[in-house]
Amino acid sequence: MPETPMSAPPLAVNVQSAMTRARDDLAELVALRTVVGISPPDQFARAARRIAALLADAGFPDIRLLPTDEGPETVYARRPGPAGAPSVVLYAHYDVVSVQDEEAWRSSPFELSERDGRWYGRGSADCKGNVVMHLTALRALQAAVPDEPYPALDLVVLIDGSEEPGNGSLERLLRAHPDLLAPDAVVIADTGNVAPDVPTLTTSLRGMAVVEITVTTLSKALHSGQFGGPTPDAMTALIRLLATLHDSRGVPRVPRPDLYGAAAAGSGGGHAAYPEADFRADAGVLDGVELIGVGSVADRLWNLPSVTVLAVQSPPLDDAVPVLMPSAKALISVRTPPGEDVRQVHEALADHLRGRAPWGARLDIRRVTSGPSFLADTEGTAHAVMRGALRDSFGAPVREVGAGGSIAVCSAFRTLYPQAEIILCGVEDPPSNIHGTDESVSPREIASLAHAEALFLRRLAALWSNSHCTDGGGAARLVPTGQREGR
């Protein structure tokens, strides 16, 4: 990472000075195996306590570890501001997904390593890298800067331990503790930039509907030589059923075929374009392999459904025997367009599957999880301030894009705090390969985003302070907020 010029503003110098510690903190957090649904509880407990200690050291006097239904604790840290000051929540999460095949990683997924200027490890980008980014921004503000006091804001940092399942854990926690938050702005650091060093705000997210299906055709397993031919085995029935989810072009047949009419023109949904060549390179699509679906790449990624078979339960090749399977299972995920009702998507998927089960096979459908879509309101003060901060930190124009993934906490914040501005950004970029093998993060992204976040907090506080003084000390606000009594 290049050194900061001596002429750089003091805040940028503070960020660069904090980067050695940022790497140490990220290495410590990556080493804690907080794999959702797999790791023992003590790994989550250790991570939560370590993050709490780091936030206390960053100047937050009110630290709480809040248990959730799922077990992992949410770390809550607050640094109160002056009476009536805007309240800003900084969000990230410390749980991670499975590493899948650990042998496929070039280095240990739970030991931070460096190659070609990037830091590798599970959670290095999603989302422990964003936890460290928040810490780096706060440390930069905490360090002495001439004539620049700490931002006069009511600051809350919320680090979630149960984000990856998308099961509403945080929303239930916040509903149970209504005195914890009354935000004017929420910075959700759980997305990233469209390309390295290109500052990006994510303005829309698709929803998610995941189901597990079980196809049953027989009462018992049968020898494939003795009974093969007339016998409808479940694995073949499942394969035929899964093949109905897309047409020959790869266009999903659920939830509604009419969604693709306008998309064929390639509108892009108003988002920045995503050139096909760039997408193919980012996704690692092999030469000669066609993209699937219709419409622009941006539409297919951000504004239209996608249907993915996440898993099929079957015997491993090394354990295969000549048997006709009586039942077979699969996990199916539908990413839904912004504005689409996830409940209706579940129903449409179930209707589609039931209507196409081959040979009268019995079909059981179980809902695994749901996540609503999200569309940000980008016209508010906080978004404007963040756009300027990102531009000044990265030295490049800000891109505003959609994202194909789903982040359930966005809808939770929107539901619970409808007047708050929700800003989506993060340290991830296409080379990060989040949820995949050899996940990584660029320290440049951490540093640049931390600088932008520090600028954002300082400028937001300055706007309120100037407005506050102009109004003679009245209750001037940048954006509306809920009531704060009892907090």
Protein backbone atom coordinates (compact mmCIF):
# COMPACT_ATOMS: atom_id res chain seq x y z
CA MET A 1 0.00 0.00 0.00
CA PRO A 2 1.54 3.37 -0.99
CA GLU A 3 2.61 5.73 1.74
CA THR A 4 0.51 8.78 2.49
CA PRO A 5 2.09 11.97 1.16
CA MET A 6 3.35 14.37 3.80
CA SER A 7 0.96 16.99 2.37
CA ALA A 8 -2.08 14.78 3.01
CA PRO A 9 -4.78 16.09 5.36
CA PRO A 10 -4.28 15.12 9.02
CA LEU A 11 -7.30 12.80 9.01
CA ALA A 12 -5.89 10.78 6.09
CA VAL A 13 -2.55 10.57 7.91
CA ASN A 14 -4.34 9.26 10.99
CA VAL A 15 -6.03 6.56 8.92
CA GLN A 16 -2.74 5.39 7.44
CA SER A 17 -1.14 5.38 10.88
CA ALA A 18 -3.92 3.06 12.07
CA MET A 19 -3.52 0.52 9.26
CA THR A 20 -0.86 -1.60 10.97
CA ARG A 21 -3.19 -2.05 13.88
CA ALA A 22 -6.04 -2.71 11.43
CA ARG A 23 -4.14 -5.65 10.00
CA ASP A 24 -3.41 -7.03 13.47
CA ASP A 25 -7.07 -6.74 14.47
CA LEU A 26 -8.25 -8.38 11.26
CA ALA A 27 -5.79 -11.24 11.74
CA GLU A 28 -7.11 -11.79 15.25
CA LEU A 29 -10.75 -11.75 14.13
CA VAL A 30 -10.18 -14.01 11.11
CA ALA A 31 -8.51 -16.56 13.42
CA LEU A 32 -11.74 -16.83 15.43
CA ARG A 33 -13.89 -19.39 13.60
CA THR A 34 -17.29 -17.74 13.75
CA VAL A 35 -18.83 -19.95 11.07
CA VAL A 36 -22.59 -19.77 11.28
CA GLY A 37 -24.20 -23.09 12.18
CA ILE A 38 -20.87 -24.88 12.55
CA SER A 39 -18.46 -23.26 15.00
CA PRO A 40 -18.76 -23.82 18.76
CA PRO A 41 -20.31 -21.01 20.82
CA ASP A 42 -17.01 -20.08 22.49
CA GLN A 43 -15.63 -18.81 19.17
CA PHE A 44 -18.53 -16.36 18.85
CA ALA A 45 -18.22 -15.34 22.50
CA ARG A 46 -14.50 -14.67 22.14
CA ALA A 47 -15.07 -12.62 18.99
CA ALA A 48 -17.83 -10.55 20.58
CA ARG A 49 -15.71 -9.80 23.64
CA ARG A 50 -12.70 -8.88 21.56
CA ILE A 51 -14.73 -6.50 19.38
CA ALA A 52 -16.25 -4.98 22.51
CA ALA A 53 -12.75 -4.38 23.94
CA LEU A 54 -11.58 -2.77 20.69
CA LEU A 55 -14.58 -0.42 20.66
CA ALA A 56 -14.02 0.52 24.29
CA ASP A 57 -10.42 1.35 23.40
CA ALA A 58 -11.71 3.47 20.50
CA GLY A 59 -13.51 5.74 22.96
CA PHE A 60 -16.96 4.21 23.43
CA PRO A 61 -17.93 4.20 27.12
CA ASP A 62 -21.26 2.34 26.82
CA ILE A 63 -20.54 -1.26 25.76
CA ARG A 64 -23.08 -4.08 25.90
CA LEU A 65 -23.14 -7.68 24.72
CA LEU A 66 -26.71 -8.50 23.76
CA PRO A 67 -27.72 -12.18 23.46
CA THR A 68 -29.86 -13.26 20.53
CA ASP A 69 -32.23 -16.18 20.01
CA GLU A 70 -29.58 -17.95 17.94
CA GLY A 71 -26.88 -17.61 20.62
CA PRO A 72 -24.19 -15.30 19.14
CA GLU A 73 -24.12 -11.95 20.89
CA THR A 74 -24.57 -8.60 19.19
CA VAL A 75 -21.99 -6.03 20.23
CA TYR A 76 -23.52 -2.63 21.04
CA ALA A 77 -21.29 0.38 21.67
CA ARG A 78 -22.42 3.95 22.14
CA ARG A 79 -20.60 7.25 22.39
CA PRO A 80 -23.22 9.85 23.41
CA GLY A 81 -23.21 13.25 21.76
CA PRO A 82 -24.62 16.63 22.71
CA ALA A 83 -28.33 16.92 23.40
CA GLY A 84 -30.29 16.82 20.17
CA ALA A 85 -27.30 15.83 18.02
CA PRO A 86 -27.97 13.49 15.08
CA SER A 87 -27.73 9.80 15.87
CA VAL A 88 -25.65 7.64 13.50
CA VAL A 89 -25.42 3.85 13.62
CA LEU A 90 -22.41 2.06 12.12
CA TYR A 91 -23.26 -1.57 11.34
CA ALA A 92 -21.26 -4.67 10.35
CA HIS A 93 -21.27 -8.35 11.33
CA TYR A 94 -18.69 -10.85 12.55
CA ASP A 95 -20.26 -14.19 11.64
CA VAL A 96 -19.02 -15.84 8.44
CA VAL A 97 -20.05 -18.64 6.09
CA SER A 98 -18.42 -22.04 5.77
CA VAL A 99 -15.08 -22.33 3.95
CA GLN A 100 -16.45 -25.38 2.07
CA ASP A 101 -13.36 -27.26 0.86
CA GLU A 102 -10.53 -26.01 3.07
CA GLU A 103 -7.99 -27.92 0.95
CA ALA A 104 -8.90 -25.76 -2.04
CA TRP A 105 -7.62 -22.61 -0.31
CA ARG A 106 -4.09 -21.52 -1.18
CA SER A 107 -3.55 -20.58 2.47
CA SER A 108 -5.38 -21.36 5.69
CA PRO A 109 -8.80 -19.64 5.67
CA PHE A 110 -8.47 -18.87 9.38
CA GLU A 111 -4.99 -17.39 9.24
CA LEU A 112 -4.70 -13.96 7.63
CA SER A 113 -2.09 -14.05 4.88
CA GLU A 114 -0.87 -11.51 2.33
CA ARG A 115 -0.37 -12.03 -1.39
CA ASP A 116 -0.03 -9.45 -4.14
CA GLY A 117 -1.07 -6.64 -1.83
CA ARG A 118 -4.28 -8.31 -0.60
CA TRP A 119 -5.16 -9.88 2.76
CA TYR A 120 -6.64 -13.39 2.55
CA GLY A 121 -8.87 -15.25 5.00
CA ARG A 122 -12.51 -16.14 5.62
CA GLY A 123 -14.31 -12.97 6.65
CA SER A 124 -11.46 -10.71 5.54
CA ALA A 125 -13.98 -8.84 3.40
CA ASP A 126 -17.39 -10.18 4.48
CA CYS A 127 -17.61 -8.83 7.01
CA LYS A 128 -14.75 -8.67 9.52
CA GLY A 129 -12.93 -6.34 7.15
CA ASN A 130 -15.83 -3.91 7.57
CA VAL A 131 -15.67 -4.24 11.35
CA VAL A 132 -12.00 -3.23 11.14
CA MET A 133 -12.87 -0.43 8.72
CA HIS A 134 -15.27 1.07 11.29
CA LEU A 135 -12.59 0.77 13.97
CA THR A 136 -10.01 2.45 11.75
CA ALA A 137 -12.33 5.38 11.03
CA LEU A 138 -13.07 5.81 14.73
CA ARG A 139 -9.39 5.64 15.67
CA ALA A 140 -8.60 8.29 13.05
CA LEU A 141 -11.20 10.58 14.63
CA GLN A 142 -9.95 9.77 18.11
CA ALA A 143 -6.36 10.79 17.31
CA ALA A 144 -5.52 14.42 17.81
CA VAL A 145 -6.33 16.56 14.76
CA PRO A 146 -5.58 20.31 15.04
CA ASP A 147 -8.71 22.45 15.30
CA GLU A 148 -10.96 19.43 14.67
CA PRO A 149 -12.85 18.13 17.72
CA TYR A 150 -14.46 14.70 17.77
CA PRO A 151 -17.71 14.81 15.77
CA ALA A 152 -20.65 16.06 17.81
CA LEU A 153 -22.85 13.06 17.06
CA ASP A 154 -24.63 10.41 19.04
CA LEU A 155 -22.65 7.45 17.71
CA VAL A 156 -23.66 3.79 17.98
CA VAL A 157 -21.68 0.85 16.61
CA LEU A 158 -23.66 -2.36 16.14
CA ILE A 159 -21.73 -5.53 15.28
CA ASP A 160 -24.04 -8.44 14.54
CA GLY A 161 -23.20 -12.09 15.20
CA SER A 162 -26.11 -13.65 13.29
CA GLU A 163 -26.36 -11.87 9.93
CA GLU A 164 -25.54 -14.65 7.49
CA PRO A 165 -28.65 -16.80 8.16
CA GLY A 166 -30.90 -13.87 7.19
CA ASN A 167 -33.47 -15.01 9.75
CA GLY A 168 -34.45 -11.71 11.37
CA SER A 169 -32.40 -12.20 14.53
CA LEU A 170 -31.31 -8.56 14.79
CA GLU A 171 -34.82 -7.24 14.16
CA ARG A 172 -36.18 -9.36 17.01
CA LEU A 173 -33.39 -8.11 19.26
CA LEU A 174 -34.05 -4.44 18.47
CA ARG A 175 -37.79 -4.89 18.93
CA ALA A 176 -37.09 -6.34 22.37
CA HIS A 177 -34.89 -3.31 23.24
CA PRO A 178 -36.63 -0.26 21.75
CA ASP A 179 -34.49 2.12 23.84
CA LEU A 180 -31.24 1.11 22.10
CA LEU A 181 -31.55 3.08 18.87
CA ALA A 182 -33.24 6.12 17.38
CA PRO A 183 -31.08 6.67 14.29
CA ASP A 184 -31.10 9.49 11.81
CA ALA A 185 -28.65 7.61 9.59
CA VAL A 186 -27.46 4.00 9.44
CA VAL A 187 -24.24 3.09 7.64
CA ILE A 188 -24.45 -0.61 6.78
CA ALA A 189 -20.95 -1.74 5.83
CA ASP A 190 -21.70 -5.05 4.13
CA THR A 191 -21.37 -4.40 0.39
CA GLY A 192 -18.51 -2.98 -1.64
CA ASN A 193 -17.12 -1.27 -4.71
CA VAL A 194 -17.85 -2.25 -8.31
CA ALA A 195 -14.09 -2.30 -8.95
CA PRO A 196 -10.98 -1.70 -6.84
CA ASP A 197 -10.56 1.98 -5.94
CA VAL A 198 -13.97 2.92 -7.41
CA PRO A 199 -16.15 4.36 -4.59
CA THR A 200 -19.61 2.82 -4.70
CA LEU A 201 -22.93 3.19 -2.93
CA THR A 202 -25.36 0.28 -3.17
CA THR A 203 -28.88 1.58 -3.67
CA SER A 204 -30.95 -1.58 -4.16
CA LEU A 205 -30.90 -5.22 -3.10
CA ARG A 206 -32.83 -8.22 -4.31
CA GLY A 207 -34.86 -10.25 -1.85
CA MET A 208 -34.36 -13.95 -1.17
CA ALA A 209 -36.58 -17.02 -0.88
CA VAL A 210 -34.93 -20.35 -0.06
CA VAL A 211 -36.72 -23.71 0.05
CA GLU A 212 -35.74 -27.31 0.63
CA ILE A 213 -37.56 -29.84 -1.53
CA THR A 214 -37.83 -33.59 -1.05
CA VAL A 215 -38.90 -35.81 -3.93
CA THR A 216 -40.10 -39.33 -3.00
CA THR A 217 -41.04 -42.09 -5.42
CA LEU A 218 -40.37 -45.40 -3.62
CA SER A 219 -40.83 -46.94 -0.19
CA LYS A 220 -37.29 -48.35 -0.19
CA ALA A 221 -34.02 -48.42 -2.10
CA LEU A 222 -33.84 -50.93 -4.95
CA HIS A 223 -31.09 -52.63 -6.96
CA SER A 224 -30.79 -50.71 -10.22
CA GLY A 225 -30.10 -53.86 -12.26
CA GLN A 226 -32.99 -55.83 -10.86
CA PHE A 227 -35.57 -53.00 -10.95
CA GLY A 228 -34.11 -50.35 -13.29
CA GLY A 229 -36.23 -49.47 -16.31
CA PRO A 230 -39.84 -49.11 -15.21
CA THR A 231 -39.00 -47.86 -11.71
CA PRO A 232 -39.20 -44.06 -11.20
CA ASP A 233 -36.19 -43.35 -8.99
CA ALA A 234 -36.23 -40.14 -6.97
CA MET A 235 -32.87 -38.77 -8.13
CA THR A 236 -33.89 -38.79 -11.78
CA ALA A 237 -37.25 -37.25 -10.87
CA LEU A 238 -35.46 -34.51 -8.92
CA ILE A 239 -33.12 -33.75 -11.82
CA ARG A 240 -36.05 -33.46 -14.22
CA LEU A 241 -37.90 -31.18 -11.78
CA LEU A 242 -34.90 -28.89 -11.26
CA ALA A 243 -34.48 -28.59 -15.03
CA THR A 244 -37.91 -26.91 -15.25
CA LEU A 245 -36.71 -23.89 -13.25
CA HIS A 246 -35.13 -22.27 -16.36
CA ASP A 247 -35.91 -22.18 -20.05
CA SER A 248 -33.36 -23.01 -22.74
CA ARG A 249 -31.84 -19.50 -22.51
CA GLY A 250 -31.39 -19.77 -18.78
CA VAL A 251 -34.28 -17.41 -18.03
CA PRO A 252 -35.94 -18.34 -14.70
CA ARG A 253 -39.52 -19.54 -15.02
CA VAL A 254 -40.33 -18.31 -11.52
CA PRO A 255 -41.65 -16.26 -9.89
CA ARG A 256 -43.36 -14.57 -12.90
CA PRO A 257 -42.39 -14.82 -16.58
CA ASP A 258 -43.84 -11.35 -17.29
CA LEU A 259 -40.99 -9.77 -15.34
CA TYR A 260 -38.72 -10.31 -18.35
CA GLY A 261 -40.67 -8.41 -21.00
CA ALA A 262 -39.06 -4.99 -20.48
CA ALA A 263 -35.74 -6.54 -19.54
CA ALA A 264 -35.14 -7.86 -23.03
CA ALA A 265 -34.44 -4.26 -24.07
CA GLY A 266 -31.60 -4.09 -21.55
CA SER A 267 -32.69 -1.06 -19.52
CA GLY A 268 -30.28 -1.55 -16.63
CA GLY A 269 -32.94 -0.33 -14.24
CA GLY A 270 -31.45 3.15 -14.00
CA HIS A 271 -28.23 1.85 -12.44
CA ALA A 272 -24.75 2.32 -13.82
CA ALA A 273 -24.00 -0.05 -16.69
CA TYR A 274 -21.99 -3.21 -16.14
CA PRO A 275 -20.13 -4.06 -19.37
CA GLU A 276 -20.38 -7.74 -20.23
CA ALA A 277 -16.62 -8.09 -20.66
CA ASP A 278 -16.04 -6.68 -17.17
CA PHE A 279 -18.66 -8.97 -15.69
CA ARG A 280 -17.21 -12.05 -17.38
CA ALA A 281 -13.78 -11.20 -15.99
CA ASP A 282 -15.12 -10.48 -12.49
CA ALA A 283 -17.18 -13.68 -12.43
CA GLY A 284 -14.50 -15.88 -13.99
CA VAL A 285 -16.78 -17.12 -16.78
CA LEU A 286 -14.78 -19.44 -19.03
CA ASP A 287 -14.12 -18.52 -22.67
CA GLY A 288 -16.85 -19.90 -24.90
CA VAL A 289 -19.38 -20.27 -22.07
CA GLU A 290 -22.46 -18.13 -22.64
CA LEU A 291 -24.13 -15.92 -20.05
CA ILE A 292 -27.70 -16.93 -19.24
CA GLY A 293 -30.92 -14.93 -19.13
CA VAL A 294 -32.05 -11.86 -21.08
CA GLY A 295 -31.58 -8.13 -20.66
CA SER A 296 -28.56 -6.10 -19.67
CA VAL A 297 -26.05 -7.53 -17.23
CA ALA A 298 -27.11 -4.88 -14.71
CA ASP A 299 -30.76 -5.93 -15.05
CA ARG A 300 -29.98 -9.61 -14.65
CA LEU A 301 -27.86 -8.93 -11.57
CA TRP A 302 -29.89 -6.31 -9.75
CA ASN A 303 -33.45 -5.99 -11.06
CA LEU A 304 -34.55 -9.47 -12.14
CA PRO A 305 -34.94 -12.79 -10.36
CA SER A 306 -32.29 -15.46 -10.37
CA VAL A 307 -32.87 -19.09 -9.46
CA THR A 308 -30.02 -21.19 -8.12
CA VAL A 309 -29.85 -24.82 -7.03
CA LEU A 310 -27.65 -24.45 -3.95
CA ALA A 311 -27.30 -28.13 -3.10
CA VAL A 312 -28.45 -31.61 -4.02
CA GLN A 313 -28.32 -34.35 -1.42
CA SER A 314 -26.92 -37.49 -3.04
CA PRO A 315 -24.42 -40.22 -2.30
CA PRO A 316 -20.78 -39.15 -2.91
CA LEU A 317 -19.11 -40.75 -5.93
CA ASP A 318 -16.74 -42.76 -3.75
CA ASP A 319 -19.71 -44.28 -1.94
CA ALA A 320 -21.98 -44.85 -4.92
CA VAL A 321 -23.67 -48.24 -5.39
CA PRO A 322 -26.10 -49.47 -8.11
CA VAL A 323 -29.22 -48.39 -6.26
CA LEU A 324 -32.43 -46.61 -7.25
CA MET A 325 -32.95 -43.90 -4.63
CA PRO A 326 -36.37 -43.73 -2.93
CA SER A 327 -36.03 -40.02 -2.11
CA ALA A 328 -33.78 -37.09 -2.99
CA LYS A 329 -33.44 -33.53 -1.71
CA ALA A 330 -32.35 -30.16 -3.07
CA LEU A 331 -31.99 -26.61 -1.78
CA ILE A 332 -33.28 -23.89 -4.11
CA SER A 333 -32.71 -20.14 -3.81
CA VAL A 334 -34.66 -17.43 -5.63
CA ARG A 335 -33.31 -13.89 -5.61
CA THR A 336 -36.29 -11.59 -6.04
CA PRO A 337 -36.48 -8.15 -7.71
CA PRO A 338 -36.71 -5.00 -5.57
CA GLY A 339 -40.34 -4.45 -4.64
CA GLU A 340 -41.41 -8.06 -5.13
CA ASP A 341 -43.30 -9.62 -2.21
CA VAL A 342 -41.15 -12.51 -0.95
CA ARG A 343 -44.19 -14.36 0.37
CA GLN A 344 -45.72 -14.40 -3.10
CA VAL A 345 -42.40 -15.60 -4.53
CA HIS A 346 -42.45 -18.54 -2.11
CA GLU A 347 -45.98 -19.37 -3.24
CA ALA A 348 -45.12 -19.05 -6.94
CA LEU A 349 -42.09 -21.32 -6.54
CA ALA A 350 -44.14 -23.93 -4.66
CA ASP A 351 -46.90 -23.83 -7.28
CA HIS A 352 -44.37 -24.23 -10.06
CA LEU A 353 -42.69 -27.23 -8.44
CA ARG A 354 -45.92 -29.00 -7.50
CA GLY A 355 -47.28 -28.58 -11.00
CA ARG A 356 -44.22 -30.15 -12.59
CA ALA A 357 -43.25 -33.04 -10.32
CA PRO A 358 -42.69 -35.87 -12.84
CA TRP A 359 -44.39 -39.26 -12.85
CA GLY A 360 -46.67 -38.39 -9.92
CA ALA A 361 -43.71 -38.16 -7.55
CA ARG A 362 -44.53 -36.97 -4.05
CA LEU A 363 -43.12 -33.57 -3.24
CA ASP A 364 -42.50 -31.95 0.14
CA ILE A 365 -41.53 -28.26 0.23
CA ARG A 366 -40.08 -26.61 3.32
CA ARG A 367 -39.38 -22.89 3.58
CA VAL A 368 -35.83 -22.38 4.85
CA THR A 369 -35.48 -18.60 4.92
CA SER A 370 -36.82 -15.37 3.45
CA GLY A 371 -35.34 -11.93 3.02
CA PRO A 372 -37.17 -8.89 1.66
CA SER A 373 -35.71 -6.71 -1.07
CA PHE A 374 -34.49 -3.18 -0.40
CA LEU A 375 -34.51 0.13 -2.25
CA ALA A 376 -32.66 3.08 -0.70
CA ASP A 377 -33.88 6.66 -0.67
CA THR A 378 -30.76 8.49 -1.82
CA GLU A 379 -32.09 12.05 -1.79
CA GLY A 380 -31.38 12.84 1.88
CA THR A 381 -28.66 14.86 3.59
CA ALA A 382 -26.70 11.87 4.85
CA HIS A 383 -26.41 10.34 1.38
CA ALA A 384 -25.21 13.64 -0.04
CA VAL A 385 -22.59 13.96 2.67
CA MET A 386 -21.41 10.38 2.14
CA ARG A 387 -21.16 10.86 -1.62
CA GLY A 388 -18.88 13.84 -1.07
CA ALA A 389 -16.80 12.00 1.52
CA LEU A 390 -16.31 8.99 -0.76
CA ARG A 391 -15.36 11.19 -3.70
CA ASP A 392 -12.80 13.12 -1.67
CA SER A 393 -11.31 10.03 -0.05
CA PHE A 394 -10.99 7.90 -3.20
CA GLY A 395 -10.36 10.80 -5.57
CA ALA A 396 -12.90 9.42 -8.03
CA PRO A 397 -16.59 9.88 -8.86
CA VAL A 398 -19.04 7.79 -6.87
CA ARG A 399 -20.93 4.98 -8.61
CA GLU A 400 -24.45 4.07 -7.50
CA VAL A 401 -25.41 0.48 -8.26
CA GLY A 402 -27.74 -2.29 -7.27
CA ALA A 403 -26.59 -5.56 -5.75
CA GLY A 404 -27.85 -9.03 -6.49
CA GLY A 405 -27.55 -10.23 -2.92
CA SER A 406 -29.89 -9.81 0.03
CA ILE A 407 -29.19 -8.16 3.39
CA ALA A 408 -32.08 -8.73 5.75
CA VAL A 409 -30.94 -6.08 8.25
CA CYS A 410 -31.60 -3.35 5.66
CA SER A 411 -35.28 -4.11 5.75
CA ALA A 412 -35.14 -4.47 9.52
CA PHE A 413 -33.78 -0.94 9.90
CA ARG A 414 -36.26 0.35 7.33
CA THR A 415 -39.17 -1.26 9.20
CA LEU A 416 -38.11 -0.21 12.69
CA TYR A 417 -36.76 3.27 11.86
CA PRO A 418 -38.61 4.44 8.73
CA GLN A 419 -37.28 8.00 8.94
CA ALA A 420 -33.62 7.00 9.06
CA GLU A 421 -31.40 7.21 5.98
CA ILE A 422 -29.83 3.85 5.22
CA ILE A 423 -26.48 3.97 3.46
CA LEU A 424 -24.93 0.81 2.00
CA CYS A 425 -21.22 0.57 1.29
CA GLY A 426 -18.27 -1.60 2.25
CA VAL A 427 -14.75 -2.88 1.63
CA GLU A 428 -15.66 -5.73 -0.73
CA ASP A 429 -14.73 -5.62 -4.42
CA PRO A 430 -14.94 -8.21 -7.22
CA PRO A 431 -11.55 -9.80 -6.39
CA SER A 432 -12.75 -10.36 -2.80
CA ASN A 433 -14.62 -13.53 -3.81
CA ILE A 434 -16.84 -13.37 -0.74
CA HIS A 435 -18.45 -16.67 0.31
CA GLY A 436 -15.96 -18.43 -1.99
CA THR A 437 -12.47 -19.87 -1.88
CA ASP A 438 -9.54 -17.55 -1.10
CA GLU A 439 -11.68 -14.65 0.11
CA SER A 440 -9.60 -11.48 0.35
CA VAL A 441 -9.68 -7.75 0.95
CA SER A 442 -7.50 -4.92 -0.26
CA PRO A 443 -6.03 -2.83 2.56
CA ARG A 444 -6.39 0.15 0.22
CA GLU A 445 -10.16 -0.34 0.29
CA ILE A 446 -10.16 -0.50 4.09
CA ALA A 447 -8.07 2.66 4.36
CA SER A 448 -9.99 4.64 1.73
CA LEU A 449 -13.40 3.70 3.11
CA ALA A 450 -12.30 4.37 6.70
CA HIS A 451 -11.14 7.82 5.62
CA ALA A 452 -14.45 8.40 3.83
CA GLU A 453 -16.44 7.30 6.89
CA ALA A 454 -14.42 9.58 9.17
CA LEU A 455 -15.02 12.50 6.77
CA PHE A 456 -18.71 11.62 6.64
CA LEU A 457 -19.08 11.68 10.42
CA ARG A 458 -17.15 14.91 10.79
CA ARG A 459 -19.06 16.70 8.03
CA LEU A 460 -22.44 15.47 9.21
CA ALA A 461 -21.66 16.80 12.69
CA ALA A 462 -20.49 20.13 11.24
CA LEU A 463 -23.73 20.53 9.30
CA TRP A 464 -25.78 19.95 12.42
CA SER A 465 -23.55 22.23 14.51
CA ASN A 466 -23.83 25.09 12.02
CA SER A 467 -27.60 24.64 11.79
CA HIS A 468 -27.83 24.38 15.57
CA CYS A 469 -25.94 27.64 16.05
CA THR A 470 -27.89 29.43 13.34
CA ASP A 471 -31.14 28.52 15.06
CA GLY A 472 -29.93 29.89 18.37
CA GLY A 473 -29.41 26.52 20.00
CA GLY A 474 -32.80 25.13 19.10
CA ALA A 475 -33.49 21.55 18.21
CA ALA A 476 -32.33 21.82 14.58
CA ARG A 477 -31.86 18.46 12.87
CA LEU A 478 -30.38 17.25 9.63
CA VAL A 479 -33.09 14.63 9.17
CA PRO A 480 -36.14 13.66 11.21
CA THR A 481 -35.69 11.24 14.05
CA GLY A 482 -37.78 9.28 16.47
CA GLN A 483 -38.25 10.14 20.10
CA ARG A 484 -35.27 9.56 22.41
CA GLU A 485 -36.91 9.52 25.81
CA GLY A 486 -35.55 6.82 28.08
CA ARG A 487 -32.39 6.19 26.12
